[in-house]
């Protein structure tokens, strides 16, 4: 295991773990708020949908030769 590989692994770990925790907490908050008000749920789901479309678009651009 080289130093470059170890640094890349740590960098991705320090990026993906907080992102996963943030998304998990956000999902639980959206689900809890959606039980109280349908408008909050719909606006949150629209925002989540736009975020996921952006993630899929970036994955397609960076990881494939599609474009």
PDB file of N, CA and C in Angstrom:
ATOM      1  N   UNK A   1       0.850  -1.168   0.000  1.00  0.00           N
ATOM      2  CA  UNK A   1       0.000   0.000   0.000  1.00  0.00           C
ATOM      3  C   UNK A   1       0.902   1.239   0.000  1.00  0.00           C
ATOM      4  N   UNK A   2       0.729   2.062  -0.995  1.00  0.00           N
ATOM      5  CA  UNK A   2       1.568   3.244  -1.112  1.00  0.00           C
ATOM      6  C   UNK A   2       0.973   4.412  -0.332  1.00  0.00           C
ATOM      7  N   UNK A   3       1.781   5.415  -0.145  1.00  0.00           N
ATOM      8  CA  UNK A   3       1.335   6.601   0.578  1.00  0.00           C
ATOM      9  C   UNK A   3       0.225   7.325  -0.188  1.00  0.00           C
ATOM     10  N   UNK A   4       0.335   7.380  -1.507  1.00  0.00           N
ATOM     11  CA  UNK A   4      -0.678   8.057  -2.320  1.00  0.00           C
ATOM     12  C   UNK A   4      -2.021   7.345  -2.182  1.00  0.00           C
ATOM     13  N   UNK A   5      -1.997   6.009  -2.235  1.00  0.00           N
ATOM     14  CA  UNK A   5      -3.235   5.250  -2.089  1.00  0.00           C
ATOM     15  C   UNK A   5      -3.849   5.454  -0.707  1.00  0.00           C
ATOM     16  N   UNK A   6      -3.019   5.467   0.317  1.00  0.00           N
ATOM     17  CA  UNK A   6      -3.509   5.660   1.685  1.00  0.00           C
ATOM     18  C   UNK A   6      -4.137   7.044   1.845  1.00  0.00           C
ATOM     19  N   UNK A   7      -3.509   8.062   1.268  1.00  0.00           N
ATOM     20  CA  UNK A   7      -4.062   9.413   1.358  1.00  0.00           C
ATOM     21  C   UNK A   7      -5.370   9.540   0.583  1.00  0.00           C
ATOM     22  N   UNK A   8      -5.445   8.907  -0.600  1.00  0.00           N
ATOM     23  CA  UNK A   8      -6.693   8.933  -1.360  1.00  0.00           C
ATOM     24  C   UNK A   8      -7.797   8.214  -0.597  1.00  0.00           C
ATOM     25  N   UNK A   9      -7.463   7.076   0.012  1.00  0.00           N
ATOM     26  CA  UNK A   9      -8.453   6.332   0.782  1.00  0.00           C
ATOM     27  C   UNK A   9      -8.969   7.158   1.960  1.00  0.00           C
ATOM     28  N   UNK A  10      -8.065   7.789   2.684  1.00  0.00           N
ATOM     29  CA  UNK A  10      -8.481   8.626   3.812  1.00  0.00           C
ATOM     30  C   UNK A  10      -9.299   9.833   3.353  1.00  0.00           C
ATOM     31  N   UNK A  11      -8.904  10.426   2.248  1.00  0.00           N
ATOM     32  CA  UNK A  11      -9.651  11.566   1.715  1.00  0.00           C
ATOM     33  C   UNK A  11     -11.073  11.202   1.347  1.00  0.00           C
ATOM     34  N   UNK A  12     -11.234  10.061   0.660  1.00  0.00           N
ATOM     35  CA  UNK A  12     -12.587   9.620   0.296  1.00  0.00           C
ATOM     36  C   UNK A  12     -13.382   9.215   1.528  1.00  0.00           C
ATOM     37  N   UNK A  13     -12.729   8.577   2.488  1.00  0.00           N
ATOM     38  CA  UNK A  13     -13.422   8.189   3.718  1.00  0.00           C
ATOM     39  C   UNK A  13     -13.896   9.427   4.481  1.00  0.00           C
ATOM     40  N   UNK A  14     -13.036  10.443   4.572  1.00  0.00           N
ATOM     41  CA  UNK A  14     -13.416  11.668   5.273  1.00  0.00           C
ATOM     42  C   UNK A  14     -14.469  12.464   4.515  1.00  0.00           C
ATOM     43  N   UNK A  15     -14.665  12.171   3.253  1.00  0.00           N
ATOM     44  CA  UNK A  15     -15.699  12.843   2.470  1.00  0.00           C
ATOM     45  C   UNK A  15     -17.009  12.072   2.493  1.00  0.00           C
ATOM     46  N   UNK A  16     -16.946  10.772   2.275  1.00  0.00           N
ATOM     47  CA  UNK A  16     -18.168   9.982   2.118  1.00  0.00           C
ATOM     48  C   UNK A  16     -18.869   9.657   3.435  1.00  0.00           C
ATOM     49  N   UNK A  17     -18.125   9.439   4.491  1.00  0.00           N
ATOM     50  CA  UNK A  17     -18.760   9.110   5.777  1.00  0.00           C
ATOM     51  C   UNK A  17     -19.591  10.285   6.301  1.00  0.00           C
ATOM     52  N   UNK A  18     -19.069  11.509   6.367  1.00  0.00           N
ATOM     53  CA  UNK A  18     -19.937  12.615   6.811  1.00  0.00           C
ATOM     54  C   UNK A  18     -21.106  12.868   5.865  1.00  0.00           C
ATOM     55  N   UNK A  19     -20.891  12.674   4.567  1.00  0.00           N
ATOM     56  CA  UNK A  19     -21.993  12.855   3.625  1.00  0.00           C
ATOM     57  C   UNK A  19     -23.088  11.832   3.881  1.00  0.00           C
ATOM     58  N   UNK A  20     -22.723  10.593   4.121  1.00  0.00           N
ATOM     59  CA  UNK A  20     -23.715   9.547   4.400  1.00  0.00           C
ATOM     60  C   UNK A  20     -24.464   9.828   5.700  1.00  0.00           C
ATOM     61  N   UNK A  21     -23.743  10.279   6.715  1.00  0.00           N
ATOM     62  CA  UNK A  21     -24.397  10.621   7.989  1.00  0.00           C
ATOM     63  C   UNK A  21     -25.353  11.794   7.795  1.00  0.00           C
ATOM     64  N   UNK A  22     -24.909  12.810   7.081  1.00  0.00           N
ATOM     65  CA  UNK A  22     -25.758  13.973   6.819  1.00  0.00           C
ATOM     66  C   UNK A  22     -27.020  13.579   6.064  1.00  0.00           C
ATOM     67  N   UNK A  23     -26.873  12.751   5.031  1.00  0.00           N
ATOM     68  CA  UNK A  23     -28.048  12.340   4.267  1.00  0.00           C
ATOM     69  C   UNK A  23     -28.979  11.472   5.091  1.00  0.00           C
ATOM     70  N   UNK A  24     -28.429  10.616   5.942  1.00  0.00           N
ATOM     71  CA  UNK A  24     -29.266   9.789   6.802  1.00  0.00           C
ATOM     72  C   UNK A  24     -30.068  10.611   7.796  1.00  0.00           C
ATOM     73  N   UNK A  25     -29.412  11.569   8.433  1.00  0.00           N
ATOM     74  CA  UNK A  25     -30.107  12.437   9.384  1.00  0.00           C
ATOM     75  C   UNK A  25     -31.145  13.287   8.660  1.00  0.00           C
ATOM     76  N   UNK A  26     -30.790  13.804   7.494  1.00  0.00           N
ATOM     77  CA  UNK A  26     -31.732  14.619   6.724  1.00  0.00           C
ATOM     78  C   UNK A  26     -32.955  13.807   6.318  1.00  0.00           C
ATOM     79  N   UNK A  27     -32.737  12.558   5.916  1.00  0.00           N
ATOM     80  CA  UNK A  27     -33.854  11.717   5.517  1.00  0.00           C
ATOM     81  C   UNK A  27     -34.800  11.493   6.700  1.00  0.00           C
ATOM     82  N   UNK A  28     -34.253  11.227   7.875  1.00  0.00           N
ATOM     83  CA  UNK A  28     -35.097  11.022   9.054  1.00  0.00           C
ATOM     84  C   UNK A  28     -35.843  12.295   9.447  1.00  0.00           C
ATOM     85  N   UNK A  29     -35.196  13.448   9.302  1.00  0.00           N
ATOM     86  CA  UNK A  29     -35.868  14.712   9.616  1.00  0.00           C
ATOM     87  C   UNK A  29     -36.981  14.993   8.627  1.00  0.00           C
ATOM     88  N   UNK A  30     -36.741  14.717   7.333  1.00  0.00           N
ATOM     89  CA  UNK A  30     -37.771  14.931   6.319  1.00  0.00           C
ATOM     90  C   UNK A  30     -38.956  14.017   6.579  1.00  0.00           C
ATOM     91  N   UNK A  31     -38.673  12.772   6.935  1.00  0.00           N
ATOM     92  CA  UNK A  31     -39.754  11.824   7.212  1.00  0.00           C
ATOM     93  C   UNK A  31     -40.554  12.271   8.430  1.00  0.00           C
ATOM     94  N   UNK A  32     -39.871  12.766   9.465  1.00  0.00           N
ATOM     95  CA  UNK A  32     -40.570  13.245  10.657  1.00  0.00           C
ATOM     96  C   UNK A  32     -41.380  14.500  10.387  1.00  0.00           C
ATOM     97  N   UNK A  33     -40.802  15.428   9.624  1.00  0.00           N
ATOM     98  CA  UNK A  33     -41.527  16.664   9.305  1.00  0.00           C
ATOM     99  C   UNK A  33     -42.688  16.386   8.354  1.00  0.00           C
ATOM    100  N   UNK A  34     -42.539  15.387   7.508  1.00  0.00           N
ATOM    101  CA  UNK A  34     -43.608  15.056   6.572  1.00  0.00           C
ATOM    102  C   UNK A  34     -44.831  14.502   7.250  1.00  0.00           C
ATOM    103  N   UNK A  35     -44.660  13.927   8.428  1.00  0.00           N
ATOM    104  CA  UNK A  35     -45.816  13.431   9.172  1.00  0.00           C
ATOM    105  C   UNK A  35     -46.662  14.580   9.698  1.00  0.00           C
ATOM    106  N   UNK A  36     -46.043  15.739   9.922  1.00  0.00           N
ATOM    107  CA  UNK A  36     -46.764  16.898  10.453  1.00  0.00           C
ATOM    108  C   UNK A  36     -47.459  17.701   9.361  1.00  0.00           C
ATOM    109  N   UNK A  37     -46.783  17.896   8.234  1.00  0.00           N
ATOM    110  CA  UNK A  37     -47.325  18.767   7.198  1.00  0.00           C
ATOM    111  C   UNK A  37     -46.978  18.207   5.824  1.00  0.00           C
ATOM    112  N   UNK A  38     -47.975  18.093   4.981  1.00  0.00           N
ATOM    113  CA  UNK A  38     -47.781  17.539   3.646  1.00  0.00           C
ATOM    114  C   UNK A  38     -46.980  18.497   2.766  1.00  0.00           C
ATOM    115  N   UNK A  39     -47.135  19.792   2.950  1.00  0.00           N
ATOM    116  CA  UNK A  39     -46.398  20.777   2.149  1.00  0.00           C
ATOM    117  C   UNK A  39     -44.899  20.673   2.419  1.00  0.00           C
ATOM    118  N   UNK A  40     -44.523  20.522   3.673  1.00  0.00           N
ATOM    119  CA  UNK A  40     -43.104  20.362   4.010  1.00  0.00           C
ATOM    120  C   UNK A  40     -42.553  19.101   3.374  1.00  0.00           C
ATOM    121  N   UNK A  41     -43.324  18.027   3.431  1.00  0.00           N
ATOM    122  CA  UNK A  41     -42.893  16.765   2.833  1.00  0.00           C
ATOM    123  C   UNK A  41     -42.708  16.910   1.327  1.00  0.00           C
ATOM    124  N   UNK A  42     -43.650  17.545   0.652  1.00  0.00           N
ATOM    125  CA  UNK A  42     -43.553  17.665  -0.806  1.00  0.00           C
ATOM    126  C   UNK A  42     -42.378  18.549  -1.218  1.00  0.00           C
ATOM    127  N   UNK A  43     -42.159  19.654  -0.527  1.00  0.00           N
ATOM    128  CA  UNK A  43     -41.033  20.518  -0.863  1.00  0.00           C
ATOM    129  C   UNK A  43     -39.700  19.830  -0.575  1.00  0.00           C
ATOM    130  N   UNK A  44     -39.643  19.087   0.503  1.00  0.00           N
ATOM    131  CA  UNK A  44     -38.419  18.355   0.830  1.00  0.00           C
ATOM    132  C   UNK A  44     -38.141  17.272  -0.195  1.00  0.00           C
ATOM    133  N   UNK A  45     -39.162  16.579  -0.629  1.00  0.00           N
ATOM    134  CA  UNK A  45     -38.964  15.529  -1.625  1.00  0.00           C
ATOM    135  C   UNK A  45     -38.578  16.098  -2.980  1.00  0.00           C
ATOM    136  N   UNK A  46     -39.085  17.270  -3.317  1.00  0.00           N
ATOM    137  CA  UNK A  46     -38.668  17.930  -4.554  1.00  0.00           C
ATOM    138  C   UNK A  46     -37.177  18.293  -4.475  1.00  0.00           C
ATOM    139  N   UNK A  47     -36.759  18.846  -3.349  1.00  0.00           N
ATOM    140  CA  UNK A  47     -35.343  19.169  -3.172  1.00  0.00           C
ATOM    141  C   UNK A  47     -34.464  17.931  -3.199  1.00  0.00           C
ATOM    142  N   UNK A  48     -34.901  16.855  -2.574  1.00  0.00           N
ATOM    143  CA  UNK A  48     -34.151  15.611  -2.581  1.00  0.00           C
ATOM    144  C   UNK A  48     -34.065  15.026  -3.992  1.00  0.00           C
ATOM    145  N   UNK A  49     -35.127  15.139  -4.741  1.00  0.00           N
ATOM    146  CA  UNK A  49     -35.130  14.653  -6.121  1.00  0.00           C
ATOM    147  C   UNK A  49     -34.147  15.434  -6.983  1.00  0.00           C
ATOM    148  N   UNK A  50     -34.133  16.746  -6.835  1.00  0.00           N
ATOM    149  CA  UNK A  50     -33.197  17.574  -7.595  1.00  0.00           C
ATOM    150  C   UNK A  50     -31.758  17.228  -7.215  1.00  0.00           C
ATOM    151  N   UNK A  51     -31.500  17.012  -5.924  1.00  0.00           N
ATOM    152  CA  UNK A  51     -30.166  16.619  -5.471  1.00  0.00           C
ATOM    153  C   UNK A  51     -29.749  15.292  -6.093  1.00  0.00           C
ATOM    154  N   UNK A  52     -30.629  14.318  -6.092  1.00  0.00           N
ATOM    155  CA  UNK A  52     -30.299  13.005  -6.648  1.00  0.00           C
ATOM    156  C   UNK A  52     -30.096  13.054  -8.160  1.00  0.00           C
ATOM    157  N   UNK A  53     -30.849  13.891  -8.848  1.00  0.00           N
ATOM    158  CA  UNK A  53     -30.638  14.068 -10.292  1.00  0.00           C
ATOM    159  C   UNK A  53     -29.246  14.644 -10.533  1.00  0.00           C
ATOM    160  N   UNK A  54     -28.826  15.595  -9.703  1.00  0.00           N
ATOM    161  CA  UNK A  54     -27.484  16.159  -9.830  1.00  0.00           C
ATOM    162  C   UNK A  54     -26.402  15.129  -9.565  1.00  0.00           C
ATOM    163  N   UNK A  55     -26.602  14.281  -8.553  1.00  0.00           N
ATOM    164  CA  UNK A  55     -25.624  13.234  -8.248  1.00  0.00           C
ATOM    165  C   UNK A  55     -25.502  12.257  -9.407  1.00  0.00           C
ATOM    166  N   UNK A  56     -26.631  11.828  -9.952  1.00  0.00           N
ATOM    167  CA  UNK A  56     -26.605  10.883 -11.069  1.00  0.00           C
ATOM    168  C   UNK A  56     -25.949  11.513 -12.291  1.00  0.00           C
ATOM    169  N   UNK A  57     -26.235  12.781 -12.550  1.00  0.00           N
ATOM    170  CA  UNK A  57     -25.618  13.474 -13.679  1.00  0.00           C
ATOM    171  C   UNK A  57     -24.102  13.551 -13.520  1.00  0.00           C
ATOM    172  N   UNK A  58     -23.644  13.913 -12.327  1.00  0.00           N
ATOM    173  CA  UNK A  58     -22.198  13.984 -12.099  1.00  0.00           C
ATOM    174  C   UNK A  58     -21.548  12.611 -12.217  1.00  0.00           C
ATOM    175  N   UNK A  59     -22.199  11.579 -11.709  1.00  0.00           N
ATOM    176  CA  UNK A  59     -21.648  10.230 -11.841  1.00  0.00           C
ATOM    177  C   UNK A  59     -21.551   9.811 -13.307  1.00  0.00           C
ATOM    178  N   UNK A  60     -22.559  10.138 -14.092  1.00  0.00           N
ATOM    179  CA  UNK A  60     -22.514   9.791 -15.514  1.00  0.00           C
ATOM    180  C   UNK A  60     -21.406  10.545 -16.233  1.00  0.00           C
ATOM    181  N   UNK A  61     -21.212  11.811 -15.904  1.00  0.00           N
ATOM    182  CA  UNK A  61     -20.194  12.605 -16.594  1.00  0.00           C
ATOM    183  C   UNK A  61     -18.781  12.144 -16.211  1.00  0.00           C
ATOM    184  N   UNK A  62     -18.559  11.914 -14.920  1.00  0.00           N
ATOM    185  CA  UNK A  62     -17.203  11.606 -14.475  1.00  0.00           C
ATOM    186  C   UNK A  62     -16.813  10.142 -14.598  1.00  0.00           C
ATOM    187  N   UNK A  63     -17.768   9.234 -14.557  1.00  0.00           N
ATOM    188  CA  UNK A  63     -17.417   7.829 -14.533  1.00  0.00           C
ATOM    189  C   UNK A  63     -17.684   7.076 -15.838  1.00  0.00           C
ATOM    190  N   UNK A  64     -18.280   7.730 -16.812  1.00  0.00           N
ATOM    191  CA  UNK A  64     -18.532   7.058 -18.093  1.00  0.00           C
ATOM    192  C   UNK A  64     -18.070   7.962 -19.231  1.00  0.00           C
ATOM    193  N   UNK A  65     -18.080   7.405 -20.409  1.00  0.00           N
ATOM    194  CA  UNK A  65     -17.771   8.169 -21.624  1.00  0.00           C
ATOM    195  C   UNK A  65     -19.059   8.504 -22.371  1.00  0.00           C
ATOM    196  N   UNK A  66     -20.143   8.665 -21.636  1.00  0.00           N
ATOM    197  CA  UNK A  66     -21.456   8.890 -22.246  1.00  0.00           C
ATOM    198  C   UNK A  66     -21.528  10.196 -23.018  1.00  0.00           C
ATOM    199  N   UNK A  67     -20.955  11.251 -22.447  1.00  0.00           N
ATOM    200  CA  UNK A  67     -21.045  12.556 -23.111  1.00  0.00           C
ATOM    201  C   UNK A  67     -19.783  12.849 -23.889  1.00  0.00           C
TER     202      UNK A  67
END
